[in-house]
Amino acid sequence: MSPEQIEAYVDAAAAALQLPIAAPHRPGVMQYFALAASMAELLAAHPLALDDEPAETFVPIAPAAKP
């Protein structure tokens, strides 16, 4: 995504969610959204084959009680 697309997406999503983004926070929001978008592009670049299967579900367990 281009910086302009990222800015437009963040603005639209914030408006849809009625989520104000404070001016001091805006650069960080844009930076982290750009990072997430770049990760998504890496994943989307690798199409799945018909025989690919989803990963197992992670189920956390509580740590053992200490004596």
PDB file of N, CA and C in Angstrom:
ATOM      1  N   MET A   1       0.842  -1.178   0.000  1.00  0.00           N
ATOM      2  CA  MET A   1       0.000   0.000   0.000  1.00  0.00           C
ATOM      3  C   MET A   1       0.889   1.243   0.000  1.00  0.00           C
ATOM      4  N   SER A   2       0.448   2.232  -0.712  1.00  0.00           N
ATOM      5  CA  SER A   2       1.174   3.499  -0.729  1.00  0.00           C
ATOM      6  C   SER A   2       0.859   4.282   0.547  1.00  0.00           C
ATOM      7  N   PRO A   3       1.706   5.247   0.890  1.00  0.00           N
ATOM      8  CA  PRO A   3       1.400   6.070   2.080  1.00  0.00           C
ATOM      9  C   PRO A   3       0.031   6.752   1.983  1.00  0.00           C
ATOM     10  N   GLU A   4      -0.345   7.160   0.787  1.00  0.00           N
ATOM     11  CA  GLU A   4      -1.649   7.797   0.613  1.00  0.00           C
ATOM     12  C   GLU A   4      -2.785   6.811   0.860  1.00  0.00           C
ATOM     13  N   GLN A   5      -2.627   5.578   0.391  1.00  0.00           N
ATOM     14  CA  GLN A   5      -3.648   4.545   0.609  1.00  0.00           C
ATOM     15  C   GLN A   5      -3.750   4.202   2.093  1.00  0.00           C
ATOM     16  N   ILE A   6      -2.617   4.119   2.750  1.00  0.00           N
ATOM     17  CA  ILE A   6      -2.616   3.808   4.182  1.00  0.00           C
ATOM     18  C   ILE A   6      -3.334   4.907   4.954  1.00  0.00           C
ATOM     19  N   GLU A   7      -3.012   6.143   4.638  1.00  0.00           N
ATOM     20  CA  GLU A   7      -3.652   7.267   5.324  1.00  0.00           C
ATOM     21  C   GLU A   7      -5.160   7.277   5.085  1.00  0.00           C
ATOM     22  N   ALA A   8      -5.568   7.032   3.835  1.00  0.00           N
ATOM     23  CA  ALA A   8      -6.998   7.010   3.519  1.00  0.00           C
ATOM     24  C   ALA A   8      -7.702   5.865   4.248  1.00  0.00           C
ATOM     25  N   TYR A   9      -7.061   4.690   4.307  1.00  0.00           N
ATOM     26  CA  TYR A   9      -7.666   3.540   4.974  1.00  0.00           C
ATOM     27  C   TYR A   9      -7.808   3.791   6.468  1.00  0.00           C
ATOM     28  N   VAL A  10      -6.739   4.278   7.086  1.00  0.00           N
ATOM     29  CA  VAL A  10      -6.781   4.539   8.531  1.00  0.00           C
ATOM     30  C   VAL A  10      -7.848   5.584   8.844  1.00  0.00           C
ATOM     31  N   ASP A  11      -7.914   6.636   8.035  1.00  0.00           N
ATOM     32  CA  ASP A  11      -8.926   7.673   8.264  1.00  0.00           C
ATOM     33  C   ASP A  11     -10.337   7.104   8.124  1.00  0.00           C
ATOM     34  N   ALA A  12     -10.563   6.288   7.097  1.00  0.00           N
ATOM     35  CA  ALA A  12     -11.893   5.708   6.879  1.00  0.00           C
ATOM     36  C   ALA A  12     -12.257   4.732   7.996  1.00  0.00           C
ATOM     37  N   ALA A  13     -11.296   3.897   8.402  1.00  0.00           N
ATOM     38  CA  ALA A  13     -11.570   2.935   9.469  1.00  0.00           C
ATOM     39  C   ALA A  13     -11.848   3.654  10.788  1.00  0.00           C
ATOM     40  N   ALA A  14     -11.075   4.681  11.091  1.00  0.00           N
ATOM     41  CA  ALA A  14     -11.282   5.434  12.327  1.00  0.00           C
ATOM     42  C   ALA A  14     -12.652   6.112  12.317  1.00  0.00           C
ATOM     43  N   ALA A  15     -13.043   6.647  11.160  1.00  0.00           N
ATOM     44  CA  ALA A  15     -14.356   7.283  11.059  1.00  0.00           C
ATOM     45  C   ALA A  15     -15.470   6.259  11.214  1.00  0.00           C
ATOM     46  N   ALA A  16     -15.317   5.102  10.585  1.00  0.00           N
ATOM     47  CA  ALA A  16     -16.346   4.064  10.670  1.00  0.00           C
ATOM     48  C   ALA A  16     -16.512   3.550  12.101  1.00  0.00           C
ATOM     49  N   LEU A  17     -15.403   3.486  12.820  1.00  0.00           N
ATOM     50  CA  LEU A  17     -15.433   3.000  14.206  1.00  0.00           C
ATOM     51  C   LEU A  17     -15.684   4.120  15.217  1.00  0.00           C
ATOM     52  N   GLN A  18     -15.799   5.339  14.716  1.00  0.00           N
ATOM     53  CA  GLN A  18     -15.933   6.511  15.582  1.00  0.00           C
ATOM     54  C   GLN A  18     -14.804   6.536  16.609  1.00  0.00           C
ATOM     55  N   LEU A  19     -13.592   6.319  16.092  1.00  0.00           N
ATOM     56  CA  LEU A  19     -12.401   6.233  16.920  1.00  0.00           C
ATOM     57  C   LEU A  19     -11.498   7.424  16.609  1.00  0.00           C
ATOM     58  N   PRO A  20     -11.503   8.423  17.456  1.00  0.00           N
ATOM     59  CA  PRO A  20     -10.627   9.565  17.184  1.00  0.00           C
ATOM     60  C   PRO A  20      -9.168   9.184  17.390  1.00  0.00           C
ATOM     61  N   ILE A  21      -8.318   9.686  16.517  1.00  0.00           N
ATOM     62  CA  ILE A  21      -6.875   9.468  16.648  1.00  0.00           C
ATOM     63  C   ILE A  21      -6.254  10.818  16.971  1.00  0.00           C
ATOM     64  N   ALA A  22      -5.685  10.931  18.143  1.00  0.00           N
ATOM     65  CA  ALA A  22      -5.069  12.185  18.575  1.00  0.00           C
ATOM     66  C   ALA A  22      -3.884  12.515  17.670  1.00  0.00           C
ATOM     67  N   ALA A  23      -3.699  13.777  17.392  1.00  0.00           N
ATOM     68  CA  ALA A  23      -2.632  14.226  16.491  1.00  0.00           C
ATOM     69  C   ALA A  23      -1.249  13.682  16.878  1.00  0.00           C
ATOM     70  N   PRO A  24      -0.890  13.670  18.165  1.00  0.00           N
ATOM     71  CA  PRO A  24       0.436  13.122  18.512  1.00  0.00           C
ATOM     72  C   PRO A  24       0.559  11.618  18.237  1.00  0.00           C
ATOM     73  N   HIS A  25      -0.574  10.902  18.201  1.00  0.00           N
ATOM     74  CA  HIS A  25      -0.541   9.456  17.989  1.00  0.00           C
ATOM     75  C   HIS A  25      -0.589   9.074  16.510  1.00  0.00           C
ATOM     76  N   ARG A  26      -1.012  10.000  15.666  1.00  0.00           N
ATOM     77  CA  ARG A  26      -1.239   9.703  14.247  1.00  0.00           C
ATOM     78  C   ARG A  26       0.001   9.127  13.544  1.00  0.00           C
ATOM     79  N   PRO A  27       1.200   9.699  13.703  1.00  0.00           N
ATOM     80  CA  PRO A  27       2.360   9.114  13.024  1.00  0.00           C
ATOM     81  C   PRO A  27       2.623   7.653  13.415  1.00  0.00           C
ATOM     82  N   GLY A  28       2.461   7.352  14.692  1.00  0.00           N
ATOM     83  CA  GLY A  28       2.660   5.977  15.144  1.00  0.00           C
ATOM     84  C   GLY A  28       1.613   5.033  14.598  1.00  0.00           C
ATOM     85  N   VAL A  29       0.360   5.484  14.550  1.00  0.00           N
ATOM     86  CA  VAL A  29      -0.714   4.659  13.988  1.00  0.00           C
ATOM     87  C   VAL A  29      -0.413   4.357  12.522  1.00  0.00           C
ATOM     88  N   MET A  30       0.014   5.377  11.778  1.00  0.00           N
ATOM     89  CA  MET A  30       0.335   5.185  10.355  1.00  0.00           C
ATOM     90  C   MET A  30       1.518   4.229  10.194  1.00  0.00           C
ATOM     91  N   GLN A  31       2.519   4.382  11.044  1.00  0.00           N
ATOM     92  CA  GLN A  31       3.705   3.531  10.966  1.00  0.00           C
ATOM     93  C   GLN A  31       3.353   2.066  11.214  1.00  0.00           C
ATOM     94  N   TYR A  32       2.579   1.805  12.249  1.00  0.00           N
ATOM     95  CA  TYR A  32       2.255   0.423  12.577  1.00  0.00           C
ATOM     96  C   TYR A  32       1.251  -0.183  11.602  1.00  0.00           C
ATOM     97  N   PHE A  33       0.367   0.651  11.057  1.00  0.00           N
ATOM     98  CA  PHE A  33      -0.534   0.125  10.032  1.00  0.00           C
ATOM     99  C   PHE A  33       0.255  -0.218   8.778  1.00  0.00           C
ATOM    100  N   ALA A  34       1.232   0.602   8.424  1.00  0.00           N
ATOM    101  CA  ALA A  34       2.086   0.307   7.268  1.00  0.00           C
ATOM    102  C   ALA A  34       2.843  -1.002   7.491  1.00  0.00           C
ATOM    103  N   LEU A  35       3.312  -1.230   8.709  1.00  0.00           N
ATOM    104  CA  LEU A  35       4.002  -2.477   9.039  1.00  0.00           C
ATOM    105  C   LEU A  35       3.062  -3.665   8.875  1.00  0.00           C
ATOM    106  N   ALA A  36       1.851  -3.555   9.404  1.00  0.00           N
ATOM    107  CA  ALA A  36       0.867  -4.639   9.279  1.00  0.00           C
ATOM    108  C   ALA A  36       0.509  -4.877   7.812  1.00  0.00           C
ATOM    109  N   ALA A  37       0.375  -3.811   7.042  1.00  0.00           N
ATOM    110  CA  ALA A  37       0.048  -3.944   5.620  1.00  0.00           C
ATOM    111  C   ALA A  37       1.178  -4.648   4.873  1.00  0.00           C
ATOM    112  N   SER A  38       2.422  -4.346   5.227  1.00  0.00           N
ATOM    113  CA  SER A  38       3.543  -5.010   4.553  1.00  0.00           C
ATOM    114  C   SER A  38       3.585  -6.502   4.900  1.00  0.00           C
ATOM    115  N   MET A  39       3.236  -6.852   6.137  1.00  0.00           N
ATOM    116  CA  MET A  39       3.169  -8.274   6.512  1.00  0.00           C
ATOM    117  C   MET A  39       2.053  -8.976   5.742  1.00  0.00           C
ATOM    118  N   ALA A  40       0.924  -8.312   5.598  1.00  0.00           N
ATOM    119  CA  ALA A  40      -0.196  -8.899   4.855  1.00  0.00           C
ATOM    120  C   ALA A  40       0.165  -9.100   3.395  1.00  0.00           C
ATOM    121  N   GLU A  41       0.903  -8.155   2.813  1.00  0.00           N
ATOM    122  CA  GLU A  41       1.324  -8.302   1.414  1.00  0.00           C
ATOM    123  C   GLU A  41       2.244  -9.502   1.244  1.00  0.00           C
ATOM    124  N   LEU A  42       3.129  -9.742   2.213  1.00  0.00           N
ATOM    125  CA  LEU A  42       4.010 -10.913   2.140  1.00  0.00           C
ATOM    126  C   LEU A  42       3.191 -12.203   2.152  1.00  0.00           C
ATOM    127  N   LEU A  43       2.197 -12.270   3.005  1.00  0.00           N
ATOM    128  CA  LEU A  43       1.354 -13.465   3.078  1.00  0.00           C
ATOM    129  C   LEU A  43       0.510 -13.630   1.819  1.00  0.00           C
ATOM    130  N   ALA A  44      -0.038 -12.544   1.326  1.00  0.00           N
ATOM    131  CA  ALA A  44      -0.902 -12.610   0.148  1.00  0.00           C
ATOM    132  C   ALA A  44      -0.111 -12.979  -1.106  1.00  0.00           C
ATOM    133  N   ALA A  45       1.203 -12.795  -1.092  1.00  0.00           N
ATOM    134  CA  ALA A  45       2.034 -13.110  -2.248  1.00  0.00           C
ATOM    135  C   ALA A  45       2.207 -14.613  -2.449  1.00  0.00           C
ATOM    136  N   HIS A  46       1.823 -15.398  -1.482  1.00  0.00           N
ATOM    137  CA  HIS A  46       1.984 -16.852  -1.562  1.00  0.00           C
ATOM    138  C   HIS A  46       0.612 -17.525  -1.574  1.00  0.00           C
ATOM    139  N   PRO A  47       0.112 -17.838  -2.755  1.00  0.00           N
ATOM    140  CA  PRO A  47      -1.218 -18.453  -2.827  1.00  0.00           C
ATOM    141  C   PRO A  47      -1.216 -19.858  -2.220  1.00  0.00           C
ATOM    142  N   LEU A  48      -2.356 -20.234  -1.709  1.00  0.00           N
ATOM    143  CA  LEU A  48      -2.502 -21.568  -1.129  1.00  0.00           C
ATOM    144  C   LEU A  48      -2.836 -22.575  -2.216  1.00  0.00           C
ATOM    145  N   ALA A  49      -2.315 -23.765  -2.049  1.00  0.00           N
ATOM    146  CA  ALA A  49      -2.635 -24.862  -2.957  1.00  0.00           C
ATOM    147  C   ALA A  49      -3.874 -25.583  -2.429  1.00  0.00           C
ATOM    148  N   LEU A  50      -4.474 -26.402  -3.277  1.00  0.00           N
ATOM    149  CA  LEU A  50      -5.682 -27.122  -2.872  1.00  0.00           C
ATOM    150  C   LEU A  50      -5.431 -28.069  -1.705  1.00  0.00           C
ATOM    151  N   ASP A  51      -4.211 -28.582  -1.591  1.00  0.00           N
ATOM    152  CA  ASP A  51      -3.931 -29.546  -0.523  1.00  0.00           C
ATOM    153  C   ASP A  51      -3.334 -28.897   0.728  1.00  0.00           C
ATOM    154  N   ASP A  52      -3.215 -27.578   0.762  1.00  0.00           N
ATOM    155  CA  ASP A  52      -2.746 -26.901   1.967  1.00  0.00           C
ATOM    156  C   ASP A  52      -3.812 -26.991   3.054  1.00  0.00           C
ATOM    157  N   GLU A  53      -3.365 -27.174   4.290  1.00  0.00           N
ATOM    158  CA  GLU A  53      -4.293 -27.296   5.404  1.00  0.00           C
ATOM    159  C   GLU A  53      -4.026 -26.196   6.423  1.00  0.00           C
ATOM    160  N   PRO A  54      -5.053 -25.810   7.171  1.00  0.00           N
ATOM    161  CA  PRO A  54      -4.840 -24.770   8.185  1.00  0.00           C
ATOM    162  C   PRO A  54      -3.973 -25.296   9.329  1.00  0.00           C
ATOM    163  N   ALA A  55      -3.367 -24.375  10.019  1.00  0.00           N
ATOM    164  CA  ALA A  55      -2.552 -24.740  11.177  1.00  0.00           C
ATOM    165  C   ALA A  55      -3.452 -25.251  12.292  1.00  0.00           C
ATOM    166  N   GLU A  56      -2.855 -25.984  13.191  1.00  0.00           N
ATOM    167  CA  GLU A  56      -3.611 -26.450  14.343  1.00  0.00           C
ATOM    168  C   GLU A  56      -4.012 -25.255  15.203  1.00  0.00           C
ATOM    169  N   THR A  57      -5.036 -25.430  15.978  1.00  0.00           N
ATOM    170  CA  THR A  57      -5.506 -24.377  16.866  1.00  0.00           C
ATOM    171  C   THR A  57      -4.661 -24.353  18.119  1.00  0.00           C
ATOM    172  N   PHE A  58      -4.183 -23.178  18.483  1.00  0.00           N
ATOM    173  CA  PHE A  58      -3.405 -23.015  19.709  1.00  0.00           C
ATOM    174  C   PHE A  58      -4.377 -22.942  20.882  1.00  0.00           C
ATOM    175  N   VAL A  59      -4.183 -23.791  21.859  1.00  0.00           N
ATOM    176  CA  VAL A  59      -5.016 -23.781  23.056  1.00  0.00           C
ATOM    177  C   VAL A  59      -4.095 -23.620  24.254  1.00  0.00           C
ATOM    178  N   PRO A  60      -4.064 -22.434  24.858  1.00  0.00           N
ATOM    179  CA  PRO A  60      -3.180 -22.232  26.001  1.00  0.00           C
ATOM    180  C   PRO A  60      -3.659 -23.009  27.212  1.00  0.00           C
ATOM    181  N   ILE A  61      -2.709 -23.408  28.024  1.00  0.00           N
ATOM    182  CA  ILE A  61      -3.055 -24.088  29.273  1.00  0.00           C
ATOM    183  C   ILE A  61      -2.448 -23.304  30.422  1.00  0.00           C
ATOM    184  N   ALA A  62      -3.056 -23.414  31.572  1.00  0.00           N
ATOM    185  CA  ALA A  62      -2.546 -22.722  32.755  1.00  0.00           C
ATOM    186  C   ALA A  62      -1.254 -23.377  33.209  1.00  0.00           C
ATOM    187  N   PRO A  63      -0.312 -22.588  33.691  1.00  0.00           N
ATOM    188  CA  PRO A  63       0.930 -23.197  34.196  1.00  0.00           C
ATOM    189  C   PRO A  63       0.630 -24.057  35.424  1.00  0.00           C
ATOM    190  N   ALA A  64       1.440 -25.053  35.622  1.00  0.00           N
ATOM    191  CA  ALA A  64       1.269 -25.940  36.776  1.00  0.00           C
ATOM    192  C   ALA A  64       1.414 -25.148  38.057  1.00  0.00           C
ATOM    193  N   ALA A  65       0.617 -25.507  39.030  1.00  0.00           N
ATOM    194  CA  ALA A  65       0.678 -24.832  40.323  1.00  0.00           C
ATOM    195  C   ALA A  65       2.014 -25.157  41.002  1.00  0.00           C
ATOM    196  N   LYS A  66       2.623 -24.133  41.595  1.00  0.00           N
ATOM    197  CA  LYS A  66       3.893 -24.351  42.282  1.00  0.00           C
ATOM    198  C   LYS A  66       3.633 -24.820  43.700  1.00  0.00           C
ATOM    199  N   PRO A  67       4.408 -25.793  44.154  1.00  0.00           N
ATOM    200  CA  PRO A  67       4.193 -26.303  45.538  1.00  0.00           C
ATOM    201  C   PRO A  67       4.607 -25.328  46.599  1.00  0.00           C
TER     202      PRO A  67
END
